[in-house]
Amino acid sequence: MLRSVVRGHGAYLPEKIMSNSEIAGFLDTTDEWISARTGIKQRHIAAEGELTSDLAIAASRKALASAELEASEVDLIILATSTPDNTFPATATLVQRALGITHGAAFDVQAVCSGFVYAMAIADNFIKAGQHKRVLVIGAETFSRILDWEDRTTCVLFGDGAGAVVLEAEEGNGTLEDRGIFSSHLRSDGRYYDKLFVDGGPSSSKKVGHLRMEGREVFRHAVANIASIMQTALDEHGLKPTDIDWFVPHQANRRILEGTAKRFGMTEERVVITVDMHGNTSAASIPLALGVALEDGRLKKGDLVLLEAMGGGFTWGSVILRW
């Protein structure tokens, strides 16, 4: 059977780092307050004129170099983002143009913080259907552009960045010893639309708007929904939490990560946590976390990895793969 195998990875973070102390300089908050409630110490902020497409292009070039592929060998680009350069066309087409690709297809996916998981699932299904052979999957965000910097309950949480992987079709034996994606599970529940949203848009306010969130409600649903989707993924393959080498979750809040890991009996040593360095980078958080684990040598070829995320909508999902 065809498997979607990760052939290359790339990540990019803007140069500017904003610490909690810097935020405390213009907002009624402290480093201690932010750290205790979120686990975040700092976040990267895109420079003036640095766009989501710029971040995505930089991460994509690194992913292609890692995969030892020419851009022309990619036949599909899927970009997960909630902060596109423009309302339309898709920011993915700007990546396509910058890489010099004139064939195949490129489009954006909007599932907020679950975007990268959704994009991976879509790419995997295109590959298994035989429609595309190599897919560039990107998560890129400039959330700093939609934050209300006077709202200390939200602006301290988010940052900017981008990460990308190259997925390639490869023949597998149909067992859990194969490399590649084994399964993905996606969910949403629009009843909770107004628990985490942006209060603007072209059809409503005709303005971009700012991010708004009911933190306690999001936290309550996050732990339950994430646990449920993870259990579904494990059960499909007859796996136990102890079979997973690395749990790479969306980096929203350290307390959510710790609560989920505890529910599954996973030790913190097997959870990749980068929220302290990056904050919540929405669709970019999982590929950025993968990049950290690859760079420090934790994540190795053949490791069994569980990805999960939950975002506004609510949307949530998981992917199990062997690296």
Protein backbone atom coordinates (compact mmCIF):
# COMPACT_ATOMS: atom_id res chain seq x y z
CA MET A 1 0.00 0.00 0.00
CA LEU A 2 1.03 3.61 -0.46
CA ARG A 3 2.32 5.43 2.60
CA SER A 4 2.93 9.17 2.98
CA VAL A 5 6.50 9.30 4.27
CA VAL A 6 8.17 12.41 5.68
CA ARG A 7 11.19 12.98 3.50
CA GLY A 8 12.23 16.44 4.67
CA HIS A 9 11.52 19.10 7.30
CA GLY A 10 12.15 22.82 7.65
CA ALA A 11 11.35 25.55 10.16
CA TYR A 12 11.64 29.31 10.33
CA LEU A 13 11.22 31.80 13.19
CA PRO A 14 11.32 35.59 12.87
CA GLU A 15 14.45 37.22 14.28
CA LYS A 16 12.69 39.38 16.86
CA ILE A 17 12.10 37.73 20.24
CA MET A 18 9.61 39.29 22.64
CA SER A 19 10.06 38.23 26.26
CA ASN A 20 7.43 38.30 28.97
CA SER A 21 9.35 41.12 30.63
CA GLU A 22 9.07 43.21 27.47
CA ILE A 23 5.29 42.73 27.44
CA ALA A 24 5.19 43.67 31.12
CA GLY A 25 6.77 46.97 30.10
CA PHE A 26 3.61 48.13 28.31
CA LEU A 27 0.89 45.93 29.82
CA ASP A 28 -0.37 45.29 33.35
CA THR A 29 1.19 41.86 33.75
CA THR A 30 4.41 40.18 34.90
CA ASP A 31 6.75 37.46 33.72
CA GLU A 32 5.68 35.40 36.73
CA TRP A 33 1.97 35.77 35.94
CA ILE A 34 2.40 34.68 32.32
CA SER A 35 4.78 31.83 33.10
CA ALA A 36 2.65 30.39 35.89
CA ARG A 37 -0.53 30.30 33.81
CA THR A 38 0.84 29.34 30.41
CA GLY A 39 4.41 28.09 30.63
CA ILE A 40 5.40 30.69 28.02
CA LYS A 41 8.65 32.62 28.46
CA GLN A 42 9.01 34.26 25.06
CA ARG A 43 7.66 34.35 21.52
CA HIS A 44 8.94 35.40 18.07
CA ILE A 45 7.33 38.36 16.31
CA ALA A 46 7.43 38.98 12.56
CA ALA A 47 9.20 42.16 11.50
CA GLU A 48 7.38 45.04 9.84
CA GLY A 49 6.74 43.96 6.26
CA GLU A 50 7.55 40.30 6.99
CA LEU A 51 4.52 38.36 5.79
CA THR A 52 3.10 34.90 6.42
CA SER A 53 4.22 33.96 2.91
CA ASP A 54 7.80 35.01 3.73
CA LEU A 55 7.85 32.71 6.76
CA ALA A 56 6.28 29.87 4.77
CA ILE A 57 8.74 30.26 1.89
CA ALA A 58 11.74 30.18 4.22
CA ALA A 59 10.51 27.02 5.98
CA SER A 60 9.65 25.39 2.64
CA ARG A 61 13.11 25.98 1.20
CA LYS A 62 14.66 24.36 4.25
CA ALA A 63 12.28 21.39 3.96
CA LEU A 64 13.19 20.89 0.30
CA ALA A 65 16.90 21.09 1.10
CA SER A 66 16.41 18.54 3.90
CA ALA A 67 14.58 16.25 1.47
CA GLU A 68 17.31 16.75 -1.16
CA LEU A 69 14.64 17.64 -3.70
CA GLU A 70 14.23 20.35 -6.28
CA ALA A 71 11.09 22.46 -5.93
CA SER A 72 10.01 21.23 -9.37
CA GLU A 73 9.65 17.72 -7.94
CA VAL A 74 6.76 18.84 -5.68
CA ASP A 75 3.30 18.57 -7.24
CA LEU A 76 1.06 19.88 -4.45
CA ILE A 77 1.38 22.60 -1.80
CA ILE A 78 -0.99 22.77 1.17
CA LEU A 79 -0.55 25.74 3.50
CA ALA A 80 -2.33 25.78 6.86
CA THR A 81 -2.83 29.33 8.08
CA SER A 82 -5.37 31.63 9.73
CA THR A 83 -3.32 34.72 8.89
CA PRO A 84 -2.99 34.77 5.09
CA ASP A 85 -1.25 37.63 3.31
CA ASN A 86 -4.53 38.59 1.62
CA THR A 87 -8.16 37.51 1.77
CA PHE A 88 -7.44 35.89 -1.59
CA PRO A 89 -5.75 34.35 -3.48
CA ALA A 90 -4.38 31.54 -1.34
CA THR A 91 -1.03 32.31 0.27
CA ALA A 92 0.06 28.86 -0.91
CA THR A 93 0.13 30.21 -4.46
CA LEU A 94 2.68 32.85 -3.36
CA VAL A 95 4.84 30.03 -2.00
CA GLN A 96 4.39 28.20 -5.29
CA ARG A 97 5.46 31.30 -7.23
CA ALA A 98 8.49 31.96 -5.03
CA LEU A 99 9.68 28.38 -5.42
CA GLY A 100 9.29 28.57 -9.20
CA ILE A 101 6.71 25.78 -9.40
CA THR A 102 4.39 26.13 -12.40
CA HIS A 103 2.61 22.78 -12.28
CA GLY A 104 0.40 20.89 -9.85
CA ALA A 105 -1.80 22.72 -7.34
CA ALA A 106 -1.55 24.95 -4.28
CA PHE A 107 -4.20 25.94 -1.74
CA ASP A 108 -4.70 27.07 1.87
CA VAL A 109 -6.40 25.21 4.72
CA GLN A 110 -8.08 27.15 7.54
CA ALA A 111 -8.64 25.13 10.71
CA VAL A 112 -6.85 27.53 13.09
CA CYS A 113 -4.55 25.67 15.50
CA SER A 114 -5.59 22.30 14.04
CA GLY A 115 -4.54 23.46 10.58
CA PHE A 116 -1.33 21.48 10.26
CA VAL A 117 -3.02 18.23 11.32
CA TYR A 118 -5.84 18.90 8.83
CA ALA A 119 -3.29 19.65 6.09
CA MET A 120 -1.36 16.46 6.82
CA ALA A 121 -4.57 14.42 6.63
CA ILE A 122 -5.54 16.01 3.30
CA ALA A 123 -2.06 15.45 1.85
CA ASP A 124 -2.06 11.83 3.00
CA ASN A 125 -5.38 11.15 1.30
CA PHE A 126 -4.22 12.75 -1.96
CA ILE A 127 -1.11 10.56 -1.89
CA LYS A 128 -3.02 7.37 -1.08
CA ALA A 129 -5.46 8.14 -3.90
CA GLY A 130 -2.51 8.30 -6.28
CA GLN A 131 -3.27 11.89 -7.32
CA HIS A 132 -0.03 13.42 -6.04
CA LYS A 133 3.41 11.98 -5.35
CA ARG A 134 5.15 14.69 -3.35
CA VAL A 135 3.34 17.22 -1.19
CA LEU A 136 4.75 20.24 0.61
CA VAL A 137 2.72 20.67 3.82
CA ILE A 138 3.23 23.99 5.62
CA GLY A 139 1.98 25.61 8.80
CA ALA A 140 2.68 29.37 8.88
CA GLU A 141 1.25 32.19 11.00
CA THR A 142 1.69 35.85 11.87
CA PHE A 143 -0.75 35.91 14.77
CA SER A 144 0.88 39.07 16.11
CA ARG A 145 -1.10 40.92 13.41
CA ILE A 146 -4.52 39.93 14.83
CA LEU A 147 -3.82 40.37 18.54
CA ASP A 148 -5.30 43.06 20.76
CA TRP A 149 -2.10 44.17 22.48
CA GLU A 150 -4.14 45.72 25.30
CA ASP A 151 -5.77 42.39 26.21
CA ARG A 152 -3.40 40.57 28.54
CA THR A 153 -5.52 37.40 28.49
CA THR A 154 -4.75 36.78 24.80
CA CYS A 155 -1.79 38.79 23.52
CA VAL A 156 0.68 37.06 25.84
CA LEU A 157 -0.18 33.64 24.38
CA PHE A 158 0.69 33.85 20.70
CA GLY A 159 3.69 34.16 18.43
CA ASP A 160 4.75 33.93 14.79
CA GLY A 161 6.60 31.23 12.85
CA ALA A 162 6.45 28.56 10.17
CA GLY A 163 7.29 24.91 9.69
CA ALA A 164 7.03 22.55 6.73
CA VAL A 165 7.42 18.91 5.77
CA VAL A 166 7.74 17.17 2.43
CA LEU A 167 5.56 14.07 2.20
CA GLU A 168 6.41 11.51 -0.48
CA ALA A 169 4.51 8.45 -1.71
CA GLU A 170 6.32 5.24 -0.80
CA GLU A 171 5.30 1.60 -1.02
CA GLY A 172 4.69 0.00 2.37
CA ASN A 173 3.76 -3.47 3.58
CA GLY A 174 0.60 -2.33 5.35
CA THR A 175 1.99 -2.96 8.83
CA LEU A 176 2.94 -0.71 11.74
CA GLU A 177 6.57 -1.30 10.83
CA ASP A 178 6.15 0.85 7.71
CA ARG A 179 7.41 4.41 7.66
CA GLY A 180 4.81 7.10 7.01
CA ILE A 181 1.33 8.11 8.10
CA PHE A 182 -0.84 5.29 9.46
CA SER A 183 -4.04 7.26 10.05
CA SER A 184 -5.57 10.65 10.74
CA HIS A 185 -8.73 11.62 12.58
CA LEU A 186 -10.40 15.02 12.21
CA ARG A 187 -13.29 16.53 14.17
CA SER A 188 -15.13 19.83 14.58
CA ASP A 189 -18.07 21.22 16.55
CA GLY A 190 -19.42 24.58 15.42
CA ARG A 191 -21.50 25.02 18.57
CA TYR A 192 -18.38 26.48 20.18
CA TYR A 193 -17.56 28.91 17.36
CA ASP A 194 -17.64 31.95 19.66
CA LYS A 195 -15.31 30.52 22.33
CA LEU A 196 -12.22 31.26 20.24
CA PHE A 197 -12.62 33.53 17.23
CA VAL A 198 -11.57 36.76 15.51
CA ASP A 199 -14.16 39.54 15.71
CA GLY A 200 -13.81 40.66 12.11
CA GLY A 201 -13.74 39.60 8.48
CA PRO A 202 -14.59 40.78 4.96
CA SER A 203 -18.21 39.59 5.11
CA SER A 204 -18.99 40.82 8.63
CA SER A 205 -17.04 43.85 9.80
CA LYS A 206 -15.07 44.48 6.59
CA LYS A 207 -12.01 44.62 8.86
CA VAL A 208 -9.44 42.08 10.01
CA GLY A 209 -10.50 42.17 13.67
CA HIS A 210 -8.79 40.85 16.81
CA LEU A 211 -8.57 37.44 18.42
CA ARG A 212 -11.05 36.82 21.25
CA MET A 213 -11.11 33.84 23.57
CA GLU A 214 -12.95 32.40 26.56
CA GLY A 215 -9.89 30.81 28.09
CA ARG A 216 -11.53 28.59 30.70
CA GLU A 217 -13.99 27.11 28.22
CA VAL A 218 -11.25 26.45 25.68
CA PHE A 219 -9.12 24.75 28.34
CA ARG A 220 -12.01 22.58 29.52
CA HIS A 221 -12.90 21.35 26.05
CA ALA A 222 -9.29 21.04 24.91
CA VAL A 223 -8.25 18.37 27.40
CA ALA A 224 -11.41 16.30 26.83
CA ASN A 225 -11.41 16.57 23.03
CA ILE A 226 -7.70 15.91 22.66
CA ALA A 227 -7.87 12.89 24.95
CA SER A 228 -10.80 11.49 22.98
CA ILE A 229 -9.16 11.86 19.56
CA MET A 230 -5.89 10.40 20.84
CA GLN A 231 -7.68 7.37 22.23
CA THR A 232 -9.49 6.88 18.92
CA ALA A 233 -6.18 6.96 17.06
CA LEU A 234 -4.51 4.48 19.42
CA ASP A 235 -7.48 2.10 19.43
CA GLU A 236 -7.57 1.93 15.62
CA HIS A 237 -4.12 0.38 15.60
CA GLY A 238 -4.28 -1.55 18.86
CA LEU A 239 -1.65 0.71 20.39
CA LYS A 240 -1.07 1.78 23.98
CA PRO A 241 0.29 5.18 25.03
CA THR A 242 3.54 3.45 25.98
CA ASP A 243 3.98 2.36 22.35
CA ILE A 244 4.34 5.99 21.25
CA ASP A 245 7.93 7.22 21.14
CA TRP A 246 7.07 10.91 20.85
CA PHE A 247 3.90 12.84 21.58
CA VAL A 248 4.09 16.11 19.60
CA PRO A 249 1.05 18.23 20.53
CA HIS A 250 -0.08 21.65 19.43
CA GLN A 251 1.69 24.09 21.75
CA ALA A 252 -1.17 26.06 23.27
CA ASN A 253 -0.61 26.06 27.01
CA ARG A 254 1.73 24.00 29.16
CA ARG A 255 -1.08 23.07 31.55
CA ILE A 256 -3.08 21.56 28.67
CA LEU A 257 -0.02 19.58 27.55
CA GLU A 258 0.67 18.32 31.05
CA GLY A 259 -3.00 17.47 31.67
CA THR A 260 -3.26 15.47 28.46
CA ALA A 261 0.00 13.61 29.05
CA LYS A 262 -1.03 12.77 32.62
CA ARG A 263 -4.39 11.39 31.46
CA PHE A 264 -2.55 8.99 29.15
CA GLY A 265 0.18 8.07 31.57
CA MET A 266 2.85 9.62 29.35
CA THR A 267 5.95 10.92 31.07
CA GLU A 268 7.01 14.46 30.26
CA GLU A 269 10.25 13.07 28.80
CA ARG A 270 8.26 11.71 25.82
CA VAL A 271 6.32 14.93 25.18
CA VAL A 272 7.90 17.53 22.92
CA ILE A 273 7.24 20.89 24.58
CA THR A 274 8.28 24.15 22.93
CA VAL A 275 5.54 26.51 24.14
CA ASP A 276 8.04 28.17 26.49
CA MET A 277 10.19 29.29 23.54
CA HIS A 278 7.58 29.94 20.83
CA GLY A 279 4.25 30.58 22.55
CA ASN A 280 1.20 29.45 20.62
CA THR A 281 2.01 29.70 16.91
CA SER A 282 -1.29 28.10 15.85
CA ALA A 283 -0.90 25.99 12.68
CA ALA A 284 2.89 26.39 12.84
CA SER A 285 3.33 24.99 16.34
CA ILE A 286 3.52 21.26 15.52
CA PRO A 287 6.03 21.54 12.66
CA LEU A 288 8.10 23.96 14.77
CA ALA A 289 8.08 21.46 17.65
CA LEU A 290 9.10 18.68 15.25
CA GLY A 291 12.01 20.87 14.18
CA VAL A 292 13.25 21.30 17.74
CA ALA A 293 13.05 17.55 18.38
CA LEU A 294 14.96 16.84 15.17
CA GLU A 295 17.60 19.45 15.89
CA ASP A 296 18.36 18.20 19.40
CA GLY A 297 18.42 14.57 18.24
CA ARG A 298 15.39 13.28 20.11
CA LEU A 299 13.34 12.45 17.03
CA LYS A 300 14.93 9.74 14.88
CA LYS A 301 14.03 7.76 11.80
CA GLY A 302 11.71 4.89 12.72
CA ASP A 303 10.19 6.58 15.80
CA LEU A 304 6.43 6.28 16.29
CA VAL A 305 4.94 9.78 16.61
CA LEU A 306 1.50 11.02 17.65
CA LEU A 307 0.50 14.53 16.57
CA GLU A 308 -2.59 16.26 17.95
CA ALA A 309 -4.15 19.71 17.95
CA MET A 310 -7.27 21.65 18.84
CA GLY A 311 -8.26 25.09 17.61
CA GLY A 312 -11.07 27.55 17.11
CA GLY A 313 -14.27 26.32 15.59
CA PHE A 314 -13.83 24.09 17.58
CA THR A 315 -11.65 21.89 15.39
CA TRP A 316 -9.39 19.09 16.57
CA GLY A 317 -7.54 16.11 15.17
CA SER A 318 -4.64 13.66 15.33
CA VAL A 319 -2.14 11.93 13.09
CA ILE A 320 -0.10 8.82 13.85
CA LEU A 321 3.03 8.23 11.78
CA ARG A 322 6.35 6.48 11.83
CA TRP A 323 9.12 8.98 11.16
